[in-house]
C-alpha cells in the first residue's frame, strides 16, 4: 500500500498539520457533558412544580411498593429540576494557561518570517 499524506500550512499553532486521508473510516465527535447550572436555578419555579406534583403523591401511590414510591419521587424531583434549573454544556474550548501575550507576539513574528 502506498501511503498518501500532505503537510499543510501553519494554522496558528507551533505545528504544521499533517493531512492523512482515510477511506471508510468514520470518526465520531466527542459528546459534550451537560451539567446543572444551580447558580441560575429558579427556586420559586422548583417549589411550585414540586408542590403541584407532590400535592396528591401519597394518595396516588399509597398502596404501592417502596421501590415504586422511590422511583416516582425521584422522577418528580428530576422533572422539577428540568423545568427550573438550566443545563450547560462543558466548554469545548479550554485555553492554555501558559499562553502569554509575549508568546502570541513571537508566533506572529514567526509566521511573518515564514512567509518571506
PDB file of N, CA and C in Angstrom:
ATOM      1  N   UNK A   1       0.827  -1.196   0.000  1.00  0.00           N
ATOM      2  CA  UNK A   1       0.000   0.000   0.000  1.00  0.00           C
ATOM      3  C   UNK A   1       0.867   1.253   0.000  1.00  0.00           C
ATOM      4  N   UNK A   2       0.439   2.193  -0.787  1.00  0.00           N
ATOM      5  CA  UNK A   2       1.147   3.457  -0.859  1.00  0.00           C
ATOM      6  C   UNK A   2       0.535   4.429   0.158  1.00  0.00           C
ATOM      7  N   UNK A   3       1.374   5.008   1.010  1.00  0.00           N
ATOM      8  CA  UNK A   3       0.896   5.985   1.985  1.00  0.00           C
ATOM      9  C   UNK A   3       0.819   7.345   1.316  1.00  0.00           C
ATOM     10  N   UNK A   4      -0.311   7.998   1.505  1.00  0.00           N
ATOM     11  CA  UNK A   4      -0.507   9.317   0.933  1.00  0.00           C
ATOM     12  C   UNK A   4      -0.756  10.288   2.075  1.00  0.00           C
ATOM     13  N   UNK A   5       0.030  11.356   2.098  1.00  0.00           N
ATOM     14  CA  UNK A   5      -0.192  12.387   3.094  1.00  0.00           C
ATOM     15  C   UNK A   5       0.339  13.700   2.560  1.00  0.00           C
ATOM     16  N   UNK A   6      -0.078  14.771   3.183  1.00  0.00           N
ATOM     17  CA  UNK A   6       0.436  16.091   2.813  1.00  0.00           C
ATOM     18  C   UNK A   6       0.620  16.920   4.071  1.00  0.00           C
ATOM     19  N   UNK A   7       1.507  17.882   3.982  1.00  0.00           N
ATOM     20  CA  UNK A   7       1.751  18.765   5.111  1.00  0.00           C
ATOM     21  C   UNK A   7       1.158  20.118   4.758  1.00  0.00           C
ATOM     22  N   UNK A   8       0.256  20.572   5.599  1.00  0.00           N
ATOM     23  CA  UNK A   8      -0.468  21.804   5.340  1.00  0.00           C
ATOM     24  C   UNK A   8       0.269  23.003   5.939  1.00  0.00           C
ATOM     25  N   UNK A   9      -0.254  24.183   5.663  1.00  0.00           N
ATOM     26  CA  UNK A   9       0.376  25.395   6.197  1.00  0.00           C
ATOM     27  C   UNK A   9       0.015  25.569   7.674  1.00  0.00           C
ATOM     28  N   UNK A  10       0.728  26.440   8.319  1.00  0.00           N
ATOM     29  CA  UNK A  10       0.574  26.718   9.741  1.00  0.00           C
ATOM     30  C   UNK A  10      -0.850  27.189  10.042  1.00  0.00           C
ATOM     31  N   UNK A  11      -1.461  26.624  11.069  1.00  0.00           N
ATOM     32  CA  UNK A  11      -2.825  27.001  11.449  1.00  0.00           C
ATOM     33  C   UNK A  11      -2.842  27.682  12.818  1.00  0.00           C
ATOM     34  N   UNK A  12      -1.940  28.601  13.025  1.00  0.00           N
ATOM     35  CA  UNK A  12      -1.850  29.403  14.243  1.00  0.00           C
ATOM     36  C   UNK A  12      -1.348  28.638  15.461  1.00  0.00           C
ATOM     37  N   UNK A  13      -0.652  27.565  15.255  1.00  0.00           N
ATOM     38  CA  UNK A  13      -0.044  26.865  16.385  1.00  0.00           C
ATOM     39  C   UNK A  13       1.426  26.625  16.051  1.00  0.00           C
ATOM     40  N   UNK A  14       2.105  25.950  16.946  1.00  0.00           N
ATOM     41  CA  UNK A  14       3.522  25.654  16.725  1.00  0.00           C
ATOM     42  C   UNK A  14       3.739  24.579  15.668  1.00  0.00           C
ATOM     43  N   UNK A  15       2.694  23.883  15.310  1.00  0.00           N
ATOM     44  CA  UNK A  15       2.828  22.711  14.457  1.00  0.00           C
ATOM     45  C   UNK A  15       2.127  22.907  13.123  1.00  0.00           C
ATOM     46  N   UNK A  16       2.677  22.275  12.131  1.00  0.00           N
ATOM     47  CA  UNK A  16       2.029  22.253  10.833  1.00  0.00           C
ATOM     48  C   UNK A  16       1.264  20.948  10.730  1.00  0.00           C
ATOM     49  N   UNK A  17      -0.016  20.995  10.399  1.00  0.00           N
ATOM     50  CA  UNK A  17      -0.824  19.778  10.374  1.00  0.00           C
ATOM     51  C   UNK A  17      -0.443  18.826   9.234  1.00  0.00           C
ATOM     52  N   UNK A  18      -0.461  17.553   9.536  1.00  0.00           N
ATOM     53  CA  UNK A  18      -0.239  16.510   8.537  1.00  0.00           C
ATOM     54  C   UNK A  18      -1.611  15.969   8.161  1.00  0.00           C
ATOM     55  N   UNK A  19      -1.956  16.032   6.879  1.00  0.00           N
ATOM     56  CA  UNK A  19      -3.251  15.581   6.383  1.00  0.00           C
ATOM     57  C   UNK A  19      -3.092  14.157   5.848  1.00  0.00           C
ATOM     58  N   UNK A  20      -3.850  13.224   6.455  1.00  0.00           N
ATOM     59  CA  UNK A  20      -3.815  11.822   6.037  1.00  0.00           C
ATOM     60  C   UNK A  20      -5.249  11.404   5.703  1.00  0.00           C
ATOM     61  N   UNK A  21      -5.533  11.139   4.442  1.00  0.00           N
ATOM     62  CA  UNK A  21      -6.902  10.733   4.085  1.00  0.00           C
ATOM     63  C   UNK A  21      -7.179   9.270   4.507  1.00  0.00           C
ATOM     64  N   UNK A  22      -8.351   9.059   5.076  1.00  0.00           N
ATOM     65  CA  UNK A  22      -8.785   7.716   5.453  1.00  0.00           C
ATOM     66  C   UNK A  22     -10.084   7.434   4.718  1.00  0.00           C
ATOM     67  N   UNK A  23     -10.148   6.286   4.123  1.00  0.00           N
ATOM     68  CA  UNK A  23     -11.374   5.905   3.420  1.00  0.00           C
ATOM     69  C   UNK A  23     -12.105   4.848   4.225  1.00  0.00           C
ATOM     70  N   UNK A  24     -13.404   5.054   4.357  1.00  0.00           N
ATOM     71  CA  UNK A  24     -14.226   4.088   5.079  1.00  0.00           C
ATOM     72  C   UNK A  24     -14.081   4.185   6.591  1.00  0.00           C
ATOM     73  N   UNK A  25     -13.477   5.240   7.055  1.00  0.00           N
ATOM     74  CA  UNK A  25     -13.283   5.421   8.493  1.00  0.00           C
ATOM     75  C   UNK A  25     -14.193   6.549   8.963  1.00  0.00           C
ATOM     76  N   UNK A  26     -15.051   6.258   9.932  1.00  0.00           N
ATOM     77  CA  UNK A  26     -15.969   7.267  10.456  1.00  0.00           C
ATOM     78  C   UNK A  26     -15.514   7.661  11.853  1.00  0.00           C
ATOM     79  N   UNK A  27     -15.249   8.938  12.015  1.00  0.00           N
ATOM     80  CA  UNK A  27     -14.841   9.441  13.319  1.00  0.00           C
ATOM     81  C   UNK A  27     -16.041  10.082  14.002  1.00  0.00           C
ATOM     82  N   UNK A  28     -16.241   9.768  15.261  1.00  0.00           N
ATOM     83  CA  UNK A  28     -17.356  10.338  15.997  1.00  0.00           C
ATOM     84  C   UNK A  28     -16.854  11.477  16.871  1.00  0.00           C
ATOM     85  N   UNK A  29     -17.608  12.550  16.872  1.00  0.00           N
ATOM     86  CA  UNK A  29     -17.261  13.688  17.725  1.00  0.00           C
ATOM     87  C   UNK A  29     -17.580  13.336  19.175  1.00  0.00           C
ATOM     88  N   UNK A  30     -16.753  13.823  20.065  1.00  0.00           N
ATOM     89  CA  UNK A  30     -16.973  13.579  21.485  1.00  0.00           C
ATOM     90  C   UNK A  30     -18.193  14.361  21.931  1.00  0.00           C
ATOM     91  N   UNK A  31     -19.098  13.685  22.626  1.00  0.00           N
ATOM     92  CA  UNK A  31     -20.298  14.336  23.133  1.00  0.00           C
ATOM     93  C   UNK A  31     -19.931  15.150  24.371  1.00  0.00           C
ATOM     94  N   UNK A  32     -20.327  16.412  24.367  1.00  0.00           N
ATOM     95  CA  UNK A  32     -20.031  17.276  25.496  1.00  0.00           C
ATOM     96  C   UNK A  32     -20.941  16.932  26.673  1.00  0.00           C
ATOM     97  N   UNK A  33     -20.380  16.920  27.863  1.00  0.00           N
ATOM     98  CA  UNK A  33     -21.160  16.616  29.068  1.00  0.00           C
ATOM     99  C   UNK A  33     -22.042  17.801  29.420  1.00  0.00           C
ATOM    100  N   UNK A  34     -23.186  17.495  30.009  1.00  0.00           N
ATOM    101  CA  UNK A  34     -24.093  18.542  30.461  1.00  0.00           C
ATOM    102  C   UNK A  34     -24.106  18.571  31.984  1.00  0.00           C
ATOM    103  N   UNK A  35     -24.229  19.778  32.522  1.00  0.00           N
ATOM    104  CA  UNK A  35     -24.255  19.961  33.967  1.00  0.00           C
ATOM    105  C   UNK A  35     -25.422  20.867  34.338  1.00  0.00           C
ATOM    106  N   UNK A  36     -25.947  20.679  35.547  1.00  0.00           N
ATOM    107  CA  UNK A  36     -26.986  21.570  36.059  1.00  0.00           C
ATOM    108  C   UNK A  36     -26.316  22.877  36.446  1.00  0.00           C
ATOM    109  N   UNK A  37     -26.894  24.003  36.050  1.00  0.00           N
ATOM    110  CA  UNK A  37     -26.381  25.314  36.440  1.00  0.00           C
ATOM    111  C   UNK A  37     -27.217  25.819  37.614  1.00  0.00           C
ATOM    112  N   UNK A  38     -26.863  25.379  38.818  1.00  0.00           N
ATOM    113  CA  UNK A  38     -27.647  25.708  40.009  1.00  0.00           C
ATOM    114  C   UNK A  38     -27.599  27.196  40.339  1.00  0.00           C
ATOM    115  N   UNK A  39     -26.576  27.901  39.855  1.00  0.00           N
ATOM    116  CA  UNK A  39     -26.493  29.344  40.108  1.00  0.00           C
ATOM    117  C   UNK A  39     -27.635  30.097  39.425  1.00  0.00           C
ATOM    118  N   UNK A  40     -28.155  29.524  38.346  1.00  0.00           N
ATOM    119  CA  UNK A  40     -29.241  30.177  37.613  1.00  0.00           C
ATOM    120  C   UNK A  40     -30.580  29.468  37.825  1.00  0.00           C
ATOM    121  N   UNK A  41     -30.659  28.641  38.858  1.00  0.00           N
ATOM    122  CA  UNK A  41     -31.892  27.908  39.146  1.00  0.00           C
ATOM    123  C   UNK A  41     -32.997  28.867  39.590  1.00  0.00           C
ATOM    124  N   UNK A  42     -34.204  28.569  39.179  1.00  0.00           N
ATOM    125  CA  UNK A  42     -35.376  29.337  39.600  1.00  0.00           C
ATOM    126  C   UNK A  42     -36.023  28.581  40.754  1.00  0.00           C
ATOM    127  N   UNK A  43     -35.647  28.951  41.985  1.00  0.00           N
ATOM    128  CA  UNK A  43     -36.104  28.192  43.164  1.00  0.00           C
ATOM    129  C   UNK A  43     -37.614  28.296  43.365  1.00  0.00           C
ATOM    130  N   UNK A  44     -38.187  29.428  43.002  1.00  0.00           N
ATOM    131  CA  UNK A  44     -39.650  29.571  43.140  1.00  0.00           C
ATOM    132  C   UNK A  44     -40.378  28.632  42.182  1.00  0.00           C
ATOM    133  N   UNK A  45     -39.882  28.537  40.967  1.00  0.00           N
ATOM    134  CA  UNK A  45     -40.486  27.625  39.989  1.00  0.00           C
ATOM    135  C   UNK A  45     -40.330  26.182  40.451  1.00  0.00           C
ATOM    136  N   UNK A  46     -39.140  25.848  41.016  1.00  0.00           N
ATOM    137  CA  UNK A  46     -38.904  24.499  41.529  1.00  0.00           C
ATOM    138  C   UNK A  46     -39.904  24.164  42.628  1.00  0.00           C
ATOM    139  N   UNK A  47     -40.093  25.092  43.594  1.00  0.00           N
ATOM    140  CA  UNK A  47     -41.059  24.880  44.690  1.00  0.00           C
ATOM    141  C   UNK A  47     -42.472  24.694  44.140  1.00  0.00           C
ATOM    142  N   UNK A  48     -42.841  25.525  43.180  1.00  0.00           N
ATOM    143  CA  UNK A  48     -44.192  25.464  42.592  1.00  0.00           C
ATOM    144  C   UNK A  48     -44.436  24.108  41.925  1.00  0.00           C
ATOM    145  N   UNK A  49     -43.463  23.663  41.125  1.00  0.00           N
ATOM    146  CA  UNK A  49     -43.612  22.373  40.421  1.00  0.00           C
ATOM    147  C   UNK A  49     -43.672  21.225  41.427  1.00  0.00           C
ATOM    148  N   UNK A  50     -42.801  21.250  42.438  1.00  0.00           N
ATOM    149  CA  UNK A  50     -42.803  20.184  43.459  1.00  0.00           C
ATOM    150  C   UNK A  50     -44.122  20.166  44.214  1.00  0.00           C
ATOM    151  N   UNK A  51     -44.608  21.339  44.598  1.00  0.00           N
ATOM    152  CA  UNK A  51     -45.885  21.422  45.318  1.00  0.00           C
ATOM    153  C   UNK A  51     -47.010  20.845  44.477  1.00  0.00           C
ATOM    154  N   UNK A  52     -47.021  21.203  43.209  1.00  0.00           N
ATOM    155  CA  UNK A  52     -48.055  20.711  42.290  1.00  0.00           C
ATOM    156  C   UNK A  52     -48.009  19.184  42.147  1.00  0.00           C
ATOM    157  N   UNK A  53     -46.823  18.644  41.923  1.00  0.00           N
ATOM    158  CA  UNK A  53     -46.695  17.201  41.701  1.00  0.00           C
ATOM    159  C   UNK A  53     -46.834  16.390  42.983  1.00  0.00           C
ATOM    160  N   UNK A  54     -46.344  16.925  44.109  1.00  0.00           N
ATOM    161  CA  UNK A  54     -46.382  16.172  45.368  1.00  0.00           C
ATOM    162  C   UNK A  54     -47.695  16.332  46.126  1.00  0.00           C
ATOM    163  N   UNK A  55     -48.571  17.258  45.706  1.00  0.00           N
ATOM    164  CA  UNK A  55     -49.808  17.503  46.440  1.00  0.00           C
ATOM    165  C   UNK A  55     -50.683  16.258  46.548  1.00  0.00           C
ATOM    166  N   UNK A  56     -50.669  15.437  45.565  1.00  0.00           N
ATOM    167  CA  UNK A  56     -51.510  14.236  45.556  1.00  0.00           C
ATOM    168  C   UNK A  56     -50.668  12.961  45.536  1.00  0.00           C
ATOM    169  N   UNK A  57     -49.400  13.081  45.845  1.00  0.00           N
ATOM    170  CA  UNK A  57     -48.458  11.969  45.714  1.00  0.00           C
ATOM    171  C   UNK A  57     -48.839  10.768  46.580  1.00  0.00           C
ATOM    172  N   UNK A  58     -49.036  10.997  47.877  1.00  0.00           N
ATOM    173  CA  UNK A  58     -49.321   9.877  48.785  1.00  0.00           C
ATOM    174  C   UNK A  58     -50.665   9.221  48.478  1.00  0.00           C
ATOM    175  N   UNK A  59     -51.686  10.009  48.125  1.00  0.00           N
ATOM    176  CA  UNK A  59     -52.989   9.432  47.770  1.00  0.00           C
ATOM    177  C   UNK A  59     -52.883   8.590  46.501  1.00  0.00           C
ATOM    178  N   UNK A  60     -52.097   9.054  45.577  1.00  0.00           N
ATOM    179  CA  UNK A  60     -51.973   8.379  44.278  1.00  0.00           C
ATOM    180  C   UNK A  60     -51.189   7.067  44.381  1.00  0.00           C
ATOM    181  N   UNK A  61     -50.155   7.035  45.229  1.00  0.00           N
ATOM    182  CA  UNK A  61     -49.280   5.858  45.302  1.00  0.00           C
ATOM    183  C   UNK A  61     -49.310   5.199  46.689  1.00  0.00           C
ATOM    184  N   UNK A  62     -50.381   5.363  47.418  1.00  0.00           N
ATOM    185  CA  UNK A  62     -50.477   4.889  48.801  1.00  0.00           C
ATOM    186  C   UNK A  62     -50.217   3.393  48.947  1.00  0.00           C
ATOM    187  N   UNK A  63     -50.783   2.602  48.072  1.00  0.00           N
ATOM    188  CA  UNK A  63     -50.673   1.143  48.192  1.00  0.00           C
ATOM    189  C   UNK A  63     -49.504   0.587  47.372  1.00  0.00           C
ATOM    190  N   UNK A  64     -48.624   1.431  46.910  1.00  0.00           N
ATOM    191  CA  UNK A  64     -47.528   0.991  46.056  1.00  0.00           C
ATOM    192  C   UNK A  64     -46.358   0.475  46.884  1.00  0.00           C
ATOM    193  N   UNK A  65     -45.485  -0.260  46.187  1.00  0.00           N
ATOM    194  CA  UNK A  65     -44.283  -0.769  46.844  1.00  0.00           C
ATOM    195  C   UNK A  65     -43.315   0.374  47.103  1.00  0.00           C
ATOM    196  N   UNK A  66     -42.394   0.153  48.013  1.00  0.00           N
ATOM    197  CA  UNK A  66     -41.394   1.162  48.347  1.00  0.00           C
ATOM    198  C   UNK A  66     -40.547   1.505  47.119  1.00  0.00           C
ATOM    199  N   UNK A  67     -40.195   0.498  46.315  1.00  0.00           N
ATOM    200  CA  UNK A  67     -39.399   0.741  45.112  1.00  0.00           C
ATOM    201  C   UNK A  67     -40.115   1.686  44.143  1.00  0.00           C
ATOM    202  N   UNK A  68     -41.426   1.466  43.974  1.00  0.00           N
ATOM    203  CA  UNK A  68     -42.195   2.329  43.079  1.00  0.00           C
ATOM    204  C   UNK A  68     -42.291   3.747  43.645  1.00  0.00           C
ATOM    205  N   UNK A  69     -42.477   3.868  44.957  1.00  0.00           N
ATOM    206  CA  UNK A  69     -42.534   5.190  45.594  1.00  0.00           C
ATOM    207  C   UNK A  69     -41.225   5.964  45.373  1.00  0.00           C
ATOM    208  N   UNK A  70     -40.103   5.290  45.570  1.00  0.00           N
ATOM    209  CA  UNK A  70     -38.799   5.931  45.379  1.00  0.00           C
ATOM    210  C   UNK A  70     -38.623   6.333  43.918  1.00  0.00           C
ATOM    211  N   UNK A  71     -39.026   5.470  42.994  1.00  0.00           N
ATOM    212  CA  UNK A  71     -38.909   5.769  41.563  1.00  0.00           C
ATOM    213  C   UNK A  71     -39.747   6.993  41.187  1.00  0.00           C
ATOM    214  N   UNK A  72     -40.985   7.029  41.647  1.00  0.00           N
ATOM    215  CA  UNK A  72     -41.882   8.152  41.335  1.00  0.00           C
ATOM    216  C   UNK A  72     -41.400   9.448  41.986  1.00  0.00           C
ATOM    217  N   UNK A  73     -40.933   9.356  43.244  1.00  0.00           N
ATOM    218  CA  UNK A  73     -40.407  10.510  43.959  1.00  0.00           C
ATOM    219  C   UNK A  73     -39.213  11.098  43.199  1.00  0.00           C
ATOM    220  N   UNK A  74     -38.291  10.241  42.798  1.00  0.00           N
ATOM    221  CA  UNK A  74     -37.110  10.675  42.040  1.00  0.00           C
ATOM    222  C   UNK A  74     -37.514  11.295  40.710  1.00  0.00           C
ATOM    223  N   UNK A  75     -38.495  10.708  40.069  1.00  0.00           N
ATOM    224  CA  UNK A  75     -38.970  11.196  38.779  1.00  0.00           C
ATOM    225  C   UNK A  75     -39.554  12.613  38.912  1.00  0.00           C
ATOM    226  N   UNK A  76     -40.298  12.834  39.993  1.00  0.00           N
ATOM    227  CA  UNK A  76     -40.882  14.162  40.219  1.00  0.00           C
ATOM    228  C   UNK A  76     -39.783  15.195  40.465  1.00  0.00           C
ATOM    229  N   UNK A  77     -38.792  14.850  41.269  1.00  0.00           N
ATOM    230  CA  UNK A  77     -37.686  15.774  41.527  1.00  0.00           C
ATOM    231  C   UNK A  77     -36.924  16.097  40.248  1.00  0.00           C
ATOM    232  N   UNK A  78     -36.682  15.086  39.427  1.00  0.00           N
ATOM    233  CA  UNK A  78     -35.970  15.289  38.174  1.00  0.00           C
ATOM    234  C   UNK A  78     -36.777  16.173  37.219  1.00  0.00           C
ATOM    235  N   UNK A  79     -38.074  15.956  37.159  1.00  0.00           N
ATOM    236  CA  UNK A  79     -38.952  16.781  36.323  1.00  0.00           C
ATOM    237  C   UNK A  79     -38.916  18.235  36.774  1.00  0.00           C
ATOM    238  N   UNK A  80     -39.008  18.448  38.085  1.00  0.00           N
ATOM    239  CA  UNK A  80     -38.969  19.813  38.632  1.00  0.00           C
ATOM    240  C   UNK A  80     -37.630  20.479  38.316  1.00  0.00           C
ATOM    241  N   UNK A  81     -36.548  19.722  38.415  1.00  0.00           N
ATOM    242  CA  UNK A  81     -35.221  20.268  38.116  1.00  0.00           C
ATOM    243  C   UNK A  81     -35.105  20.616  36.639  1.00  0.00           C
ATOM    244  N   UNK A  82     -35.597  19.758  35.762  1.00  0.00           N
ATOM    245  CA  UNK A  82     -35.519  20.022  34.319  1.00  0.00           C
ATOM    246  C   UNK A  82     -36.285  21.288  33.943  1.00  0.00           C
ATOM    247  N   UNK A  83     -37.377  21.552  34.664  1.00  0.00           N
ATOM    248  CA  UNK A  83     -38.198  22.724  34.380  1.00  0.00           C
ATOM    249  C   UNK A  83     -37.565  23.999  34.941  1.00  0.00           C
ATOM    250  N   UNK A  84     -36.899  23.901  36.075  1.00  0.00           N
ATOM    251  CA  UNK A  84     -36.462  25.110  36.787  1.00  0.00           C
ATOM    252  C   UNK A  84     -34.949  25.348  36.837  1.00  0.00           C
ATOM    253  N   UNK A  85     -34.149  24.367  36.444  1.00  0.00           N
ATOM    254  CA  UNK A  85     -32.693  24.526  36.502  1.00  0.00           C
ATOM    255  C   UNK A  85     -32.130  24.329  35.090  1.00  0.00           C
ATOM    256  N   UNK A  86     -31.484  25.358  34.544  1.00  0.00           N
ATOM    257  CA  UNK A  86     -30.946  25.212  33.182  1.00  0.00           C
ATOM    258  C   UNK A  86     -29.727  24.295  33.151  1.00  0.00           C
ATOM    259  N   UNK A  87     -29.543  23.654  32.002  1.00  0.00           N
ATOM    260  CA  UNK A  87     -28.372  22.820  31.766  1.00  0.00           C
ATOM    261  C   UNK A  87     -27.339  23.616  30.982  1.00  0.00           C
ATOM    262  N   UNK A  88     -26.074  23.375  31.260  1.00  0.00           N
ATOM    263  CA  UNK A  88     -24.994  23.961  30.476  1.00  0.00           C
ATOM    264  C   UNK A  88     -24.094  22.837  29.991  1.00  0.00           C
ATOM    265  N   UNK A  89     -23.559  23.005  28.794  1.00  0.00           N
ATOM    266  CA  UNK A  89     -22.626  22.010  28.263  1.00  0.00           C
ATOM    267  C   UNK A  89     -21.213  22.434  28.600  1.00  0.00           C
ATOM    268  N   UNK A  90     -20.363  21.445  28.819  1.00  0.00           N
ATOM    269  CA  UNK A  90     -18.964  21.765  29.081  1.00  0.00           C
ATOM    270  C   UNK A  90     -18.385  22.457  27.859  1.00  0.00           C
ATOM    271  N   UNK A  91     -17.449  23.290  28.087  1.00  0.00           N
ATOM    272  CA  UNK A  91     -16.841  24.052  27.006  1.00  0.00           C
ATOM    273  C   UNK A  91     -15.893  23.170  26.206  1.00  0.00           C
ATOM    274  N   UNK A  92     -15.959  23.326  24.892  1.00  0.00           N
ATOM    275  CA  UNK A  92     -15.021  22.612  24.033  1.00  0.00           C
ATOM    276  C   UNK A  92     -13.673  23.323  24.048  1.00  0.00           C
ATOM    277  N   UNK A  93     -13.726  24.620  24.253  1.00  0.00           N
ATOM    278  CA  UNK A  93     -12.515  25.428  24.261  1.00  0.00           C
ATOM    279  C   UNK A  93     -11.935  25.479  25.664  1.00  0.00           C
ATOM    280  N   UNK A  94     -10.706  25.064  25.801  1.00  0.00           N
ATOM    281  CA  UNK A  94     -10.022  25.134  27.085  1.00  0.00           C
ATOM    282  C   UNK A  94      -8.704  25.849  26.867  1.00  0.00           C
ATOM    283  N   UNK A  95      -8.655  27.129  27.245  1.00  0.00           N
ATOM    284  CA  UNK A  95      -7.460  27.926  26.964  1.00  0.00           C
ATOM    285  C   UNK A  95      -6.230  27.429  27.723  1.00  0.00           C
ATOM    286  N   UNK A  96      -5.080  27.643  27.103  1.00  0.00           N
ATOM    287  CA  UNK A  96      -3.820  27.278  27.747  1.00  0.00           C
ATOM    288  C   UNK A  96      -3.442  28.365  28.737  1.00  0.00           C
ATOM    289  N   UNK A  97      -3.193  27.968  29.964  1.00  0.00           N
ATOM    290  CA  UNK A  97      -2.834  28.929  30.993  1.00  0.00           C
ATOM    291  C   UNK A  97      -1.439  29.506  30.761  1.00  0.00           C
ATOM    292  N   UNK A  98      -0.599  28.771  30.056  1.00  0.00           N
ATOM    293  CA  UNK A  98       0.771  29.209  29.838  1.00  0.00           C
ATOM    294  C   UNK A  98       0.916  30.132  28.638  1.00  0.00           C
ATOM    295  N   UNK A  99      -0.131  30.299  27.813  1.00  0.00           N
ATOM    296  CA  UNK A  99      -0.052  31.129  26.617  1.00  0.00           C
ATOM    297  C   UNK A  99      -0.101  32.595  27.029  1.00  0.00           C
ATOM    298  N   UNK A 100       0.958  33.316  26.769  1.00  0.00           N
ATOM    299  CA  UNK A 100       1.053  34.717  27.172  1.00  0.00           C
ATOM    300  C   UNK A 100       1.046  35.627  25.950  1.00  0.00           C
ATOM    301  N   UNK A 101       0.949  36.932  26.201  1.00  0.00           N
ATOM    302  CA  UNK A 101       0.985  37.900  25.099  1.00  0.00           C
ATOM    303  C   UNK A 101       2.338  37.858  24.385  1.00  0.00           C
ATOM    304  N   UNK A 102       3.376  37.614  25.144  1.00  0.00           N
ATOM    305  CA  UNK A 102       4.726  37.535  24.554  1.00  0.00           C
ATOM    306  C   UNK A 102       4.824  36.351  23.590  1.00  0.00           C
ATOM    307  N   UNK A 103       4.304  35.209  23.989  1.00  0.00           N
ATOM    308  CA  UNK A 103       4.313  34.030  23.117  1.00  0.00           C
ATOM    309  C   UNK A 103       3.487  34.303  21.866  1.00  0.00           C
ATOM    310  N   UNK A 104       2.342  34.927  22.039  1.00  0.00           N
ATOM    311  CA  UNK A 104       1.478  35.252  20.902  1.00  0.00           C
ATOM    312  C   UNK A 104       2.223  36.141  19.900  1.00  0.00           C
ATOM    313  N   UNK A 105       2.942  37.119  20.424  1.00  0.00           N
ATOM    314  CA  UNK A 105       3.710  38.028  19.578  1.00  0.00           C
ATOM    315  C   UNK A 105       4.817  37.289  18.836  1.00  0.00           C
ATOM    316  N   UNK A 106       5.494  36.365  19.525  1.00  0.00           N
ATOM    317  CA  UNK A 106       6.569  35.590  18.901  1.00  0.00           C
ATOM    318  C   UNK A 106       6.042  34.674  17.793  1.00  0.00           C
ATOM    319  N   UNK A 107       4.901  34.063  18.016  1.00  0.00           N
ATOM    320  CA  UNK A 107       4.298  33.192  16.998  1.00  0.00           C
ATOM    321  C   UNK A 107       3.903  34.016  15.782  1.00  0.00           C
ATOM    322  N   UNK A 108       3.377  35.197  16.019  1.00  0.00           N
ATOM    323  CA  UNK A 108       3.005  36.083  14.913  1.00  0.00           C
ATOM    324  C   UNK A 108       4.242  36.460  14.089  1.00  0.00           C
ATOM    325  N   UNK A 109       5.320  36.761  14.777  1.00  0.00           N
ATOM    326  CA  UNK A 109       6.584  37.092  14.109  1.00  0.00           C
ATOM    327  C   UNK A 109       7.093  35.905  13.302  1.00  0.00           C
ATOM    328  N   UNK A 110       7.043  34.712  13.896  1.00  0.00           N
ATOM    329  CA  UNK A 110       7.481  33.503  13.201  1.00  0.00           C
ATOM    330  C   UNK A 110       6.680  33.277  11.921  1.00  0.00           C
ATOM    331  N   UNK A 111       5.382  33.465  11.981  1.00  0.00           N
ATOM    332  CA  UNK A 111       4.528  33.284  10.808  1.00  0.00           C
ATOM    333  C   UNK A 111       4.911  34.273   9.705  1.00  0.00           C
ATOM    334  N   UNK A 112       5.122  35.518  10.118  1.00  0.00           N
ATOM    335  CA  UNK A 112       5.502  36.547   9.157  1.00  0.00           C
ATOM    336  C   UNK A 112       6.827  36.204   8.485  1.00  0.00           C
ATOM    337  N   UNK A 113       7.798  35.727   9.269  1.00  0.00           N
ATOM    338  CA  UNK A 113       9.105  35.365   8.729  1.00  0.00           C
ATOM    339  C   UNK A 113       9.034  34.142   7.816  1.00  0.00           C
ATOM    340  N   UNK A 114       8.156  33.204   8.111  1.00  0.00           N
ATOM    341  CA  UNK A 114       8.000  32.014   7.257  1.00  0.00           C
ATOM    342  C   UNK A 114       7.459  32.378   5.875  1.00  0.00           C
ATOM    343  N   UNK A 115       6.638  33.407   5.835  1.00  0.00           N
ATOM    344  CA  UNK A 115       6.033  33.806   4.566  1.00  0.00           C
ATOM    345  C   UNK A 115       7.035  34.454   3.614  1.00  0.00           C
ATOM    346  N   UNK A 116       8.140  34.942   4.154  1.00  0.00           N
ATOM    347  CA  UNK A 116       9.175  35.613   3.325  1.00  0.00           C
ATOM    348  C   UNK A 116       9.986  34.640   2.518  1.00  0.00           C
TER     349      UNK A 116
END
